[in-house]
N, C-alpha and C. Protein backbone atom coordinates (compact mmCIF):
# COMPACT_ATOMS: atom_id res chain seq x y z
N MET A 1 0.51 21.40 21.90
CA MET A 1 -0.14 21.15 20.60
C MET A 1 -0.86 19.82 20.68
N THR A 2 -2.07 19.78 20.22
CA THR A 2 -2.85 18.55 20.24
C THR A 2 -3.30 18.19 18.85
N PHE A 3 -3.38 16.91 18.58
CA PHE A 3 -3.88 16.39 17.32
C PHE A 3 -5.10 15.54 17.62
N ASP A 4 -6.16 15.75 16.83
CA ASP A 4 -7.33 14.89 16.96
C ASP A 4 -7.03 13.59 16.24
N ALA A 5 -7.18 12.48 16.90
CA ALA A 5 -6.87 11.19 16.29
C ALA A 5 -8.03 10.23 16.47
N GLU A 6 -8.22 9.42 15.46
CA GLU A 6 -9.22 8.37 15.53
C GLU A 6 -8.52 7.03 15.36
N PRO A 7 -8.89 6.03 16.12
CA PRO A 7 -8.25 4.73 15.97
C PRO A 7 -8.52 4.18 14.57
N GLY A 8 -7.54 3.49 14.02
CA GLY A 8 -7.75 3.02 12.66
C GLY A 8 -6.89 1.83 12.33
N ALA A 9 -6.86 1.52 11.05
CA ALA A 9 -6.16 0.33 10.59
C ALA A 9 -4.88 0.74 9.87
N ASP A 10 -4.74 0.34 8.61
CA ASP A 10 -3.46 0.47 7.93
C ASP A 10 -3.18 1.90 7.44
N ARG A 11 -4.19 2.58 6.96
CA ARG A 11 -3.95 3.92 6.42
C ARG A 11 -4.11 4.97 7.51
N SER A 12 -3.32 6.01 7.38
CA SER A 12 -3.34 7.09 8.35
C SER A 12 -3.32 8.41 7.59
N PHE A 13 -4.38 9.20 7.72
CA PHE A 13 -4.51 10.46 7.00
C PHE A 13 -4.14 11.63 7.90
N LEU A 14 -3.27 12.50 7.40
CA LEU A 14 -2.95 13.76 8.06
C LEU A 14 -3.58 14.89 7.26
N PHE A 15 -4.53 15.59 7.85
CA PHE A 15 -5.18 16.73 7.21
C PHE A 15 -4.51 18.01 7.73
N VAL A 16 -3.87 18.73 6.84
CA VAL A 16 -3.15 19.95 7.20
C VAL A 16 -4.00 21.14 6.79
N LEU A 17 -4.56 21.83 7.78
CA LEU A 17 -5.47 22.95 7.53
C LEU A 17 -4.67 24.23 7.40
N GLY A 18 -4.80 24.89 6.23
CA GLY A 18 -3.99 26.08 5.97
C GLY A 18 -4.78 27.33 5.69
N SER A 19 -6.03 27.38 6.12
CA SER A 19 -6.83 28.59 5.91
C SER A 19 -6.49 29.63 6.96
N SER A 20 -6.80 30.88 6.66
CA SER A 20 -6.56 31.96 7.62
C SER A 20 -7.70 32.08 8.62
N ARG A 21 -8.75 31.26 8.47
CA ARG A 21 -9.84 31.26 9.45
C ARG A 21 -10.26 29.83 9.72
N SER A 22 -10.77 29.62 10.92
CA SER A 22 -11.19 28.28 11.30
C SER A 22 -12.54 27.95 10.67
N ASP A 23 -12.78 26.67 10.47
CA ASP A 23 -14.04 26.18 9.91
C ASP A 23 -14.35 26.86 8.58
N GLY A 24 -13.31 27.05 7.77
CA GLY A 24 -13.50 27.66 6.45
C GLY A 24 -14.09 26.68 5.46
N ASN A 25 -14.36 27.17 4.27
CA ASN A 25 -15.00 26.32 3.26
C ASN A 25 -14.13 25.14 2.84
N SER A 26 -12.83 25.35 2.77
CA SER A 26 -11.94 24.24 2.40
C SER A 26 -11.97 23.16 3.48
N GLU A 27 -11.97 23.57 4.74
CA GLU A 27 -12.04 22.60 5.82
C GLU A 27 -13.37 21.85 5.82
N ILE A 28 -14.46 22.56 5.59
CA ILE A 28 -15.77 21.91 5.54
C ILE A 28 -15.78 20.83 4.45
N LEU A 29 -15.22 21.17 3.28
CA LEU A 29 -15.19 20.22 2.17
C LEU A 29 -14.30 19.03 2.51
N ALA A 30 -13.18 19.30 3.16
CA ALA A 30 -12.27 18.21 3.54
C ALA A 30 -12.92 17.27 4.56
N ARG A 31 -13.64 17.83 5.51
CA ARG A 31 -14.30 16.99 6.52
C ARG A 31 -15.42 16.17 5.89
N GLU A 32 -16.07 16.72 4.87
CA GLU A 32 -17.08 15.94 4.16
C GLU A 32 -16.43 14.75 3.47
N ALA A 33 -15.28 14.97 2.83
CA ALA A 33 -14.58 13.86 2.18
C ALA A 33 -14.08 12.85 3.20
N ALA A 34 -13.57 13.34 4.33
CA ALA A 34 -13.05 12.45 5.37
C ALA A 34 -14.14 11.58 5.97
N ALA A 35 -15.36 12.10 5.99
CA ALA A 35 -16.48 11.35 6.57
C ALA A 35 -16.77 10.08 5.78
N HIS A 36 -16.29 10.01 4.55
CA HIS A 36 -16.55 8.85 3.70
C HIS A 36 -15.35 7.92 3.59
N LEU A 37 -14.33 8.15 4.41
CA LEU A 37 -13.23 7.19 4.48
C LEU A 37 -13.73 5.90 5.13
N PRO A 38 -13.10 4.78 4.83
CA PRO A 38 -13.53 3.52 5.45
C PRO A 38 -13.46 3.61 6.97
N ALA A 39 -14.38 2.94 7.61
CA ALA A 39 -14.41 2.92 9.07
C ALA A 39 -13.08 2.41 9.61
N GLY A 40 -12.58 3.08 10.63
CA GLY A 40 -11.33 2.68 11.24
C GLY A 40 -10.10 3.36 10.67
N THR A 41 -10.28 4.15 9.59
CA THR A 41 -9.14 4.86 9.02
C THR A 41 -8.69 5.95 9.98
N ARG A 42 -7.42 5.94 10.32
CA ARG A 42 -6.91 6.93 11.26
C ARG A 42 -6.85 8.32 10.61
N GLN A 43 -7.22 9.32 11.39
CA GLN A 43 -7.20 10.70 10.92
C GLN A 43 -6.53 11.59 11.96
N ARG A 44 -5.72 12.50 11.49
CA ARG A 44 -5.19 13.57 12.32
C ARG A 44 -5.47 14.89 11.62
N TRP A 45 -5.88 15.87 12.38
CA TRP A 45 -6.20 17.19 11.84
C TRP A 45 -5.30 18.21 12.52
N VAL A 46 -4.52 18.91 11.73
CA VAL A 46 -3.59 19.91 12.24
C VAL A 46 -3.97 21.27 11.66
N ASP A 47 -4.28 22.22 12.52
CA ASP A 47 -4.57 23.59 12.10
C ASP A 47 -3.28 24.39 12.21
N LEU A 48 -2.71 24.77 11.08
CA LEU A 48 -1.44 25.49 11.09
C LEU A 48 -1.54 26.81 11.83
N ASN A 49 -2.72 27.43 11.85
CA ASN A 49 -2.89 28.68 12.56
C ASN A 49 -2.74 28.51 14.07
N ALA A 50 -2.98 27.30 14.54
CA ALA A 50 -2.93 27.04 15.98
C ALA A 50 -1.53 26.68 16.47
N LEU A 51 -0.59 26.56 15.55
CA LEU A 51 0.77 26.17 15.91
C LEU A 51 1.67 27.39 16.06
N ASP A 52 2.49 27.36 17.07
CA ASP A 52 3.50 28.41 17.27
C ASP A 52 4.71 28.05 16.42
N LEU A 53 4.54 28.24 15.10
CA LEU A 53 5.56 27.84 14.14
C LEU A 53 6.08 29.09 13.43
N PRO A 54 7.35 29.43 13.63
CA PRO A 54 7.89 30.63 12.99
C PRO A 54 8.04 30.46 11.49
N ASP A 55 8.26 31.54 10.79
CA ASP A 55 8.55 31.45 9.37
C ASP A 55 9.80 30.61 9.16
N PHE A 56 9.81 29.86 8.08
CA PHE A 56 10.94 28.97 7.80
C PHE A 56 12.18 29.77 7.47
N GLN A 57 13.29 29.39 8.07
CA GLN A 57 14.60 29.98 7.79
C GLN A 57 15.48 28.92 7.14
N ASP A 58 15.93 29.19 5.94
CA ASP A 58 16.73 28.22 5.20
C ASP A 58 18.16 28.20 5.74
N GLY A 59 18.50 27.13 6.45
CA GLY A 59 19.85 27.01 7.00
C GLY A 59 20.63 25.86 6.41
N ARG A 60 20.27 25.48 5.18
CA ARG A 60 20.91 24.31 4.57
C ARG A 60 22.42 24.46 4.41
N HIS A 61 22.89 25.69 4.24
CA HIS A 61 24.32 25.89 3.97
C HIS A 61 25.05 26.47 5.17
N GLU A 62 24.44 26.38 6.34
CA GLU A 62 25.09 26.83 7.56
C GLU A 62 25.72 25.64 8.27
N SER A 63 26.90 25.85 8.80
CA SER A 63 27.64 24.74 9.41
C SER A 63 26.95 24.19 10.65
N ALA A 64 26.22 25.07 11.36
CA ALA A 64 25.58 24.61 12.60
C ALA A 64 24.40 23.69 12.34
N GLY A 65 23.83 23.79 11.15
CA GLY A 65 22.68 22.95 10.83
C GLY A 65 21.40 23.46 11.47
N HIS A 66 20.33 22.78 11.18
CA HIS A 66 19.01 23.20 11.66
C HIS A 66 18.62 22.40 12.89
N GLU A 67 18.25 23.10 13.95
CA GLU A 67 17.81 22.44 15.17
C GLU A 67 16.34 22.76 15.39
N PRO A 68 15.43 21.81 15.12
CA PRO A 68 14.01 22.09 15.22
C PRO A 68 13.53 22.21 16.66
N GLY A 69 12.51 23.04 16.85
CA GLY A 69 11.89 23.16 18.16
C GLY A 69 10.87 22.06 18.37
N ALA A 70 10.20 22.08 19.51
CA ALA A 70 9.28 21.01 19.88
C ALA A 70 8.08 20.96 18.94
N VAL A 71 7.54 22.13 18.58
CA VAL A 71 6.38 22.16 17.68
C VAL A 71 6.74 21.61 16.32
N GLU A 72 7.88 22.03 15.80
CA GLU A 72 8.30 21.54 14.49
C GLU A 72 8.56 20.04 14.52
N ARG A 73 9.16 19.55 15.58
CA ARG A 73 9.41 18.11 15.68
C ARG A 73 8.10 17.31 15.68
N GLU A 74 7.10 17.82 16.38
CA GLU A 74 5.82 17.12 16.41
C GLU A 74 5.14 17.15 15.05
N LEU A 75 5.29 18.27 14.33
CA LEU A 75 4.72 18.37 12.98
C LEU A 75 5.44 17.43 12.03
N LEU A 76 6.74 17.35 12.16
CA LEU A 76 7.50 16.39 11.35
C LEU A 76 7.06 14.97 11.65
N ARG A 77 6.91 14.65 12.93
CA ARG A 77 6.49 13.30 13.30
C ARG A 77 5.12 12.97 12.71
N ALA A 78 4.19 13.92 12.81
CA ALA A 78 2.85 13.69 12.26
C ALA A 78 2.90 13.48 10.76
N THR A 79 3.81 14.18 10.09
CA THR A 79 3.92 14.08 8.63
C THR A 79 4.46 12.72 8.21
N VAL A 80 5.52 12.28 8.82
CA VAL A 80 6.15 11.03 8.38
C VAL A 80 5.37 9.81 8.84
N GLU A 81 4.51 9.97 9.84
CA GLU A 81 3.71 8.83 10.28
C GLU A 81 2.47 8.62 9.43
N ALA A 82 2.13 9.59 8.61
CA ALA A 82 0.92 9.48 7.78
C ALA A 82 1.22 8.74 6.48
N THR A 83 0.29 7.89 6.07
CA THR A 83 0.39 7.29 4.75
C THR A 83 -0.16 8.24 3.68
N ASP A 84 -1.04 9.15 4.11
CA ASP A 84 -1.69 10.09 3.20
C ASP A 84 -1.66 11.48 3.83
N VAL A 85 -1.12 12.43 3.11
CA VAL A 85 -1.08 13.82 3.57
C VAL A 85 -2.05 14.63 2.71
N VAL A 86 -2.99 15.29 3.36
CA VAL A 86 -4.02 16.06 2.65
C VAL A 86 -3.80 17.55 2.94
N ILE A 87 -3.45 18.29 1.93
CA ILE A 87 -3.25 19.73 2.06
C ILE A 87 -4.61 20.41 1.85
N VAL A 88 -5.09 21.07 2.89
CA VAL A 88 -6.40 21.72 2.86
C VAL A 88 -6.16 23.23 2.86
N SER A 89 -6.27 23.83 1.69
CA SER A 89 -5.94 25.24 1.55
C SER A 89 -6.91 25.92 0.60
N PRO A 90 -7.46 27.06 0.97
CA PRO A 90 -8.23 27.83 0.01
C PRO A 90 -7.33 28.35 -1.09
N LEU A 91 -7.91 28.72 -2.19
CA LEU A 91 -7.16 29.30 -3.30
C LEU A 91 -6.94 30.78 -3.01
N TYR A 92 -5.71 31.14 -2.68
CA TYR A 92 -5.34 32.53 -2.43
C TYR A 92 -4.44 33.01 -3.56
N TRP A 93 -4.91 33.98 -4.32
CA TRP A 93 -4.13 34.49 -5.45
C TRP A 93 -3.61 33.35 -6.33
N TYR A 94 -4.53 32.41 -6.57
CA TYR A 94 -4.33 31.34 -7.55
C TYR A 94 -3.27 30.32 -7.13
N THR A 95 -2.99 30.27 -5.84
CA THR A 95 -2.06 29.25 -5.36
C THR A 95 -2.38 28.94 -3.90
N LEU A 96 -1.44 28.32 -3.21
CA LEU A 96 -1.64 27.91 -1.83
C LEU A 96 -1.62 29.11 -0.88
N SER A 97 -2.23 28.95 0.28
CA SER A 97 -2.19 29.99 1.29
C SER A 97 -0.78 30.12 1.86
N ALA A 98 -0.51 31.25 2.50
CA ALA A 98 0.80 31.48 3.09
C ALA A 98 1.11 30.45 4.17
N GLN A 99 0.10 30.08 4.96
CA GLN A 99 0.30 29.09 6.02
C GLN A 99 0.71 27.74 5.44
N THR A 100 0.02 27.34 4.36
CA THR A 100 0.33 26.07 3.73
C THR A 100 1.71 26.09 3.09
N LYS A 101 2.03 27.19 2.41
CA LYS A 101 3.35 27.29 1.77
C LYS A 101 4.45 27.22 2.81
N ARG A 102 4.25 27.83 3.97
CA ARG A 102 5.25 27.77 5.03
C ARG A 102 5.46 26.32 5.49
N TYR A 103 4.37 25.57 5.62
CA TYR A 103 4.49 24.15 5.99
C TYR A 103 5.33 23.39 4.97
N LEU A 104 5.07 23.60 3.70
CA LEU A 104 5.83 22.92 2.66
C LEU A 104 7.28 23.41 2.64
N ASP A 105 7.50 24.69 2.96
CA ASP A 105 8.88 25.18 3.05
C ASP A 105 9.66 24.42 4.12
N TYR A 106 8.99 24.05 5.20
CA TYR A 106 9.66 23.28 6.24
C TYR A 106 10.12 21.93 5.72
N TRP A 107 9.44 21.41 4.70
CA TRP A 107 9.90 20.16 4.11
C TRP A 107 11.35 20.29 3.64
N SER A 108 11.72 21.49 3.14
CA SER A 108 13.09 21.71 2.68
C SER A 108 14.08 21.50 3.82
N GLY A 109 13.73 22.01 4.99
CA GLY A 109 14.61 21.81 6.14
C GLY A 109 14.67 20.36 6.56
N TRP A 110 13.54 19.67 6.51
CA TRP A 110 13.52 18.27 6.93
C TRP A 110 14.31 17.39 5.96
N LEU A 111 14.36 17.79 4.70
CA LEU A 111 15.13 17.03 3.73
C LEU A 111 16.61 16.98 4.11
N ASN A 112 17.07 18.03 4.77
CA ASN A 112 18.49 18.14 5.08
C ASN A 112 18.79 17.95 6.57
N MET A 113 17.79 17.51 7.33
CA MET A 113 18.00 17.29 8.75
C MET A 113 18.71 15.95 8.94
N PRO A 114 19.86 15.93 9.59
CA PRO A 114 20.59 14.68 9.77
C PRO A 114 19.73 13.62 10.46
N GLY A 115 19.70 12.46 9.84
CA GLY A 115 18.99 11.34 10.43
C GLY A 115 17.50 11.29 10.17
N SER A 116 16.95 12.30 9.48
CA SER A 116 15.50 12.31 9.28
C SER A 116 15.07 11.37 8.15
N ASP A 117 15.94 11.22 7.12
CA ASP A 117 15.59 10.39 5.96
C ASP A 117 14.21 10.78 5.42
N PHE A 118 13.95 12.08 5.41
CA PHE A 118 12.60 12.56 5.12
C PHE A 118 12.12 12.14 3.72
N LYS A 119 12.95 12.35 2.72
CA LYS A 119 12.53 12.02 1.36
C LYS A 119 12.31 10.53 1.20
N GLU A 120 13.19 9.74 1.78
CA GLU A 120 13.04 8.29 1.68
C GLU A 120 11.77 7.82 2.38
N ARG A 121 11.44 8.43 3.51
CA ARG A 121 10.27 8.01 4.27
C ARG A 121 8.97 8.45 3.61
N MET A 122 9.00 9.57 2.88
CA MET A 122 7.79 10.06 2.23
C MET A 122 7.54 9.41 0.87
N ALA A 123 8.56 8.85 0.27
CA ALA A 123 8.40 8.21 -1.04
C ALA A 123 7.36 7.10 -0.96
N GLY A 124 6.47 7.08 -1.93
CA GLY A 124 5.43 6.05 -1.98
C GLY A 124 4.18 6.39 -1.21
N ARG A 125 4.21 7.44 -0.40
CA ARG A 125 3.00 7.87 0.29
C ARG A 125 2.20 8.78 -0.65
N THR A 126 1.02 9.16 -0.26
CA THR A 126 0.13 9.87 -1.17
C THR A 126 -0.12 11.30 -0.70
N LEU A 127 -0.04 12.22 -1.63
CA LEU A 127 -0.36 13.63 -1.38
C LEU A 127 -1.69 13.96 -2.05
N TRP A 128 -2.56 14.63 -1.31
CA TRP A 128 -3.87 15.05 -1.80
C TRP A 128 -4.03 16.55 -1.56
N GLY A 129 -5.02 17.15 -2.21
CA GLY A 129 -5.35 18.54 -1.95
C GLY A 129 -6.86 18.73 -1.90
N VAL A 130 -7.28 19.68 -1.09
CA VAL A 130 -8.69 20.09 -1.02
C VAL A 130 -8.70 21.61 -0.98
N THR A 131 -9.46 22.22 -1.87
CA THR A 131 -9.48 23.68 -1.89
C THR A 131 -10.84 24.22 -2.33
N ALA A 132 -11.19 25.34 -1.74
CA ALA A 132 -12.37 26.09 -2.15
C ALA A 132 -11.92 27.41 -2.75
N MET A 133 -12.67 27.88 -3.74
CA MET A 133 -12.32 29.12 -4.43
C MET A 133 -13.59 29.90 -4.73
N ALA A 134 -13.43 31.17 -5.04
CA ALA A 134 -14.58 32.01 -5.33
C ALA A 134 -15.03 31.89 -6.78
N HIS A 135 -14.23 31.27 -7.61
CA HIS A 135 -14.49 31.20 -9.05
C HIS A 135 -15.23 29.92 -9.41
N ASP A 136 -16.11 30.01 -10.40
CA ASP A 136 -16.84 28.82 -10.86
C ASP A 136 -15.99 27.94 -11.77
N GLU A 137 -15.02 28.54 -12.45
CA GLU A 137 -14.18 27.78 -13.38
C GLU A 137 -12.97 27.23 -12.64
N HIS A 138 -12.94 25.93 -12.47
CA HIS A 138 -11.90 25.31 -11.67
C HIS A 138 -10.52 25.39 -12.31
N VAL A 139 -10.45 25.71 -13.58
CA VAL A 139 -9.16 25.82 -14.24
C VAL A 139 -8.29 26.90 -13.61
N VAL A 140 -8.91 27.86 -12.93
CA VAL A 140 -8.11 28.93 -12.31
C VAL A 140 -7.26 28.39 -11.16
N ALA A 141 -7.54 27.19 -10.71
CA ALA A 141 -6.75 26.59 -9.62
C ALA A 141 -5.62 25.72 -10.14
N ASP A 142 -5.33 25.79 -11.43
CA ASP A 142 -4.27 24.95 -11.99
C ASP A 142 -2.91 25.20 -11.33
N GLY A 143 -2.65 26.45 -10.94
CA GLY A 143 -1.37 26.75 -10.30
C GLY A 143 -1.22 26.02 -8.98
N LEU A 144 -2.28 25.99 -8.19
CA LEU A 144 -2.25 25.26 -6.92
C LEU A 144 -2.06 23.77 -7.16
N THR A 145 -2.81 23.24 -8.13
CA THR A 145 -2.70 21.80 -8.42
C THR A 145 -1.30 21.44 -8.88
N THR A 146 -0.73 22.28 -9.75
CA THR A 146 0.62 22.02 -10.24
C THR A 146 1.64 22.06 -9.11
N ALA A 147 1.49 23.01 -8.19
CA ALA A 147 2.42 23.12 -7.06
C ALA A 147 2.40 21.85 -6.22
N LEU A 148 1.21 21.33 -5.95
CA LEU A 148 1.11 20.10 -5.15
C LEU A 148 1.62 18.90 -5.93
N HIS A 149 1.23 18.81 -7.19
CA HIS A 149 1.66 17.68 -8.01
C HIS A 149 3.18 17.63 -8.12
N ASN A 150 3.81 18.77 -8.40
CA ASN A 150 5.26 18.77 -8.57
C ASN A 150 5.98 18.53 -7.25
N SER A 151 5.38 18.98 -6.13
CA SER A 151 5.96 18.67 -4.83
C SER A 151 5.96 17.17 -4.60
N ALA A 152 4.84 16.53 -4.96
CA ALA A 152 4.75 15.08 -4.83
C ALA A 152 5.76 14.39 -5.76
N ALA A 153 5.92 14.92 -6.97
CA ALA A 153 6.86 14.33 -7.92
C ALA A 153 8.29 14.39 -7.39
N TYR A 154 8.66 15.52 -6.80
CA TYR A 154 10.01 15.65 -6.26
C TYR A 154 10.24 14.67 -5.12
N MET A 155 9.22 14.46 -4.31
CA MET A 155 9.34 13.56 -3.16
C MET A 155 9.13 12.10 -3.53
N ARG A 156 8.83 11.84 -4.79
CA ARG A 156 8.54 10.48 -5.27
C ARG A 156 7.32 9.89 -4.54
N MET A 157 6.33 10.77 -4.38
CA MET A 157 5.07 10.36 -3.75
C MET A 157 4.05 10.03 -4.82
N LEU A 158 2.94 9.48 -4.42
CA LEU A 158 1.77 9.33 -5.27
C LEU A 158 0.94 10.61 -5.15
N PHE A 159 0.08 10.84 -6.14
CA PHE A 159 -0.73 12.07 -6.12
C PHE A 159 -2.18 11.71 -6.39
N GLY A 160 -3.05 12.05 -5.42
CA GLY A 160 -4.47 11.73 -5.55
C GLY A 160 -5.30 12.82 -6.19
N GLY A 161 -4.67 13.96 -6.51
CA GLY A 161 -5.40 15.06 -7.13
C GLY A 161 -5.93 16.03 -6.09
N VAL A 162 -6.72 16.99 -6.58
CA VAL A 162 -7.26 18.05 -5.73
C VAL A 162 -8.78 18.06 -5.84
N LEU A 163 -9.43 18.05 -4.71
CA LEU A 163 -10.89 18.17 -4.64
C LEU A 163 -11.21 19.67 -4.63
N LEU A 164 -11.94 20.12 -5.63
CA LEU A 164 -12.21 21.54 -5.81
C LEU A 164 -13.68 21.85 -5.56
N GLY A 165 -13.92 23.00 -4.96
CA GLY A 165 -15.29 23.46 -4.75
C GLY A 165 -15.36 24.97 -4.87
N THR A 166 -16.54 25.48 -5.10
CA THR A 166 -16.75 26.91 -5.28
C THR A 166 -17.49 27.48 -4.08
N ALA A 167 -16.87 28.48 -3.44
CA ALA A 167 -17.48 29.15 -2.30
C ALA A 167 -16.65 30.37 -1.96
N SER A 168 -17.32 31.40 -1.48
CA SER A 168 -16.61 32.61 -1.06
C SER A 168 -16.97 32.96 0.38
N ARG A 169 -18.23 33.25 0.62
CA ARG A 169 -18.64 33.59 1.97
C ARG A 169 -18.60 32.34 2.86
N PRO A 170 -18.40 32.51 4.17
CA PRO A 170 -18.30 31.37 5.09
C PRO A 170 -19.48 30.41 4.97
N GLY A 171 -19.17 29.13 4.83
CA GLY A 171 -20.19 28.10 4.78
C GLY A 171 -20.85 27.88 3.44
N ARG A 172 -20.51 28.69 2.45
CA ARG A 172 -21.20 28.59 1.16
C ARG A 172 -20.83 27.32 0.39
N ILE A 173 -19.79 26.64 0.81
CA ILE A 173 -19.42 25.40 0.11
C ILE A 173 -20.53 24.37 0.20
N ARG A 174 -21.37 24.48 1.21
CA ARG A 174 -22.47 23.53 1.35
C ARG A 174 -23.50 23.67 0.24
N ALA A 175 -23.46 24.79 -0.49
CA ALA A 175 -24.37 24.99 -1.61
C ALA A 175 -23.81 24.42 -2.92
N ASP A 176 -22.54 24.01 -2.91
CA ASP A 176 -21.94 23.42 -4.10
C ASP A 176 -22.22 21.92 -4.07
N GLU A 177 -23.35 21.55 -4.61
CA GLU A 177 -23.78 20.15 -4.55
C GLU A 177 -22.82 19.22 -5.28
N GLN A 178 -22.27 19.67 -6.40
CA GLN A 178 -21.36 18.82 -7.15
C GLN A 178 -20.08 18.55 -6.38
N ALA A 179 -19.59 19.56 -5.66
CA ALA A 179 -18.39 19.36 -4.85
C ALA A 179 -18.65 18.36 -3.73
N LEU A 180 -19.81 18.44 -3.12
CA LEU A 180 -20.16 17.52 -2.04
C LEU A 180 -20.32 16.10 -2.57
N ILE A 181 -20.81 15.97 -3.78
CA ILE A 181 -20.93 14.64 -4.40
C ILE A 181 -19.53 14.08 -4.67
N ARG A 182 -18.65 14.91 -5.23
CA ARG A 182 -17.28 14.45 -5.51
C ARG A 182 -16.56 14.07 -4.22
N ALA A 183 -16.88 14.77 -3.14
CA ALA A 183 -16.21 14.50 -1.86
C ALA A 183 -16.47 13.07 -1.38
N LYS A 184 -17.63 12.53 -1.69
CA LYS A 184 -18.00 11.19 -1.19
C LYS A 184 -17.05 10.11 -1.68
N THR A 185 -16.51 10.27 -2.87
CA THR A 185 -15.64 9.23 -3.44
C THR A 185 -14.22 9.74 -3.71
N PHE A 186 -13.91 10.94 -3.26
CA PHE A 186 -12.62 11.54 -3.60
C PHE A 186 -11.46 10.65 -3.19
N PHE A 187 -11.48 10.15 -1.97
CA PHE A 187 -10.36 9.36 -1.48
C PHE A 187 -10.38 7.93 -2.01
N GLN A 188 -11.33 7.63 -2.85
CA GLN A 188 -11.36 6.34 -3.53
C GLN A 188 -10.74 6.43 -4.92
N GLY A 189 -10.35 7.63 -5.32
CA GLY A 189 -9.83 7.84 -6.66
C GLY A 189 -8.43 7.27 -6.85
N PRO A 190 -7.97 7.22 -8.10
CA PRO A 190 -6.64 6.67 -8.39
C PRO A 190 -5.53 7.53 -7.80
N THR A 191 -4.44 6.89 -7.44
CA THR A 191 -3.29 7.61 -6.88
C THR A 191 -2.02 7.16 -7.62
N PRO A 192 -1.85 7.62 -8.85
CA PRO A 192 -0.66 7.23 -9.62
C PRO A 192 0.59 7.92 -9.09
N PRO A 193 1.75 7.38 -9.41
CA PRO A 193 2.99 8.08 -9.04
C PRO A 193 3.02 9.46 -9.69
N ALA A 194 3.40 10.45 -8.92
CA ALA A 194 3.52 11.80 -9.47
C ALA A 194 4.80 11.88 -10.30
N LEU A 195 4.68 12.36 -11.52
CA LEU A 195 5.82 12.50 -12.42
C LEU A 195 5.86 13.92 -12.96
N PHE A 196 7.06 14.47 -13.06
CA PHE A 196 7.19 15.76 -13.73
C PHE A 196 6.83 15.59 -15.21
N ALA A 197 6.48 16.70 -15.85
CA ALA A 197 6.05 16.64 -17.25
C ALA A 197 7.11 16.01 -18.14
N TYR A 198 8.38 16.33 -17.90
CA TYR A 198 9.43 15.76 -18.74
C TYR A 198 9.58 14.27 -18.52
N GLU A 199 9.26 13.81 -17.30
CA GLU A 199 9.33 12.37 -17.04
C GLU A 199 8.21 11.64 -17.76
N LYS A 200 7.03 12.26 -17.82
CA LYS A 200 5.93 11.65 -18.56
C LYS A 200 6.27 11.55 -20.04
N GLU A 201 6.86 12.60 -20.59
CA GLU A 201 7.23 12.60 -22.01
C GLU A 201 8.26 11.51 -22.30
N THR A 202 9.22 11.35 -21.39
CA THR A 202 10.23 10.31 -21.57
C THR A 202 9.62 8.92 -21.51
N ALA A 203 8.70 8.73 -20.56
CA ALA A 203 8.03 7.43 -20.43
C ALA A 203 7.20 7.11 -21.66
N GLN A 204 6.51 8.12 -22.18
CA GLN A 204 5.69 7.91 -23.37
C GLN A 204 6.56 7.59 -24.57
N ALA A 205 7.71 8.27 -24.68
CA ALA A 205 8.61 8.01 -25.80
C ALA A 205 9.18 6.60 -25.71
N ASP A 206 9.53 6.17 -24.49
CA ASP A 206 10.06 4.82 -24.33
C ASP A 206 9.01 3.78 -24.66
N ALA A 207 7.75 4.06 -24.30
CA ALA A 207 6.68 3.10 -24.58
C ALA A 207 6.41 2.99 -26.08
N ALA A 208 6.61 4.09 -26.79
CA ALA A 208 6.33 4.09 -28.23
C ALA A 208 7.49 3.52 -29.04
N ALA A 209 8.66 3.43 -28.41
CA ALA A 209 9.85 2.95 -29.15
C ALA A 209 9.77 1.47 -29.42
């Protein structure tokens, strides 16, 4: 397994490609956004389709515990070494692709892997999303956005939001001028701590008291 890496400074971006085809619209949009990162920012690009990664098996309650293979260990290493994790997934049935969901399922195993300290290491880092969809109304991607936001909230990560674009046929994202404009400054946007809805309500109530 190989990762494309660029030499950089303090921030390190891991782009996790979860489309069922290479060079898809979501990837094109993500690479456009990545092109506007500050010079020297480290980037790694991982195509989940290129990894020999089996479906996740939940072994949290088995006495033997989970023993990761070489590919999984390298994916874990790439994840915890990144300051920013960017989930690049097309909108499939109003949520994440199967490849992307499997990657996030592996987070469950890493949470319980002895010595990984996965949740502690991911806390304070930033989760982002990039997705292309066939629909013009971006509200239809709310399910995907909520899934990423709540994942970040559970991990006590920051959340940079989701860069959305409209495209169906291969390469059509290049015709979405507004998406390409948003891509130029996407990674410059705010990254507040991700909070569950009930946590926001509690914080607002405390502020008003």
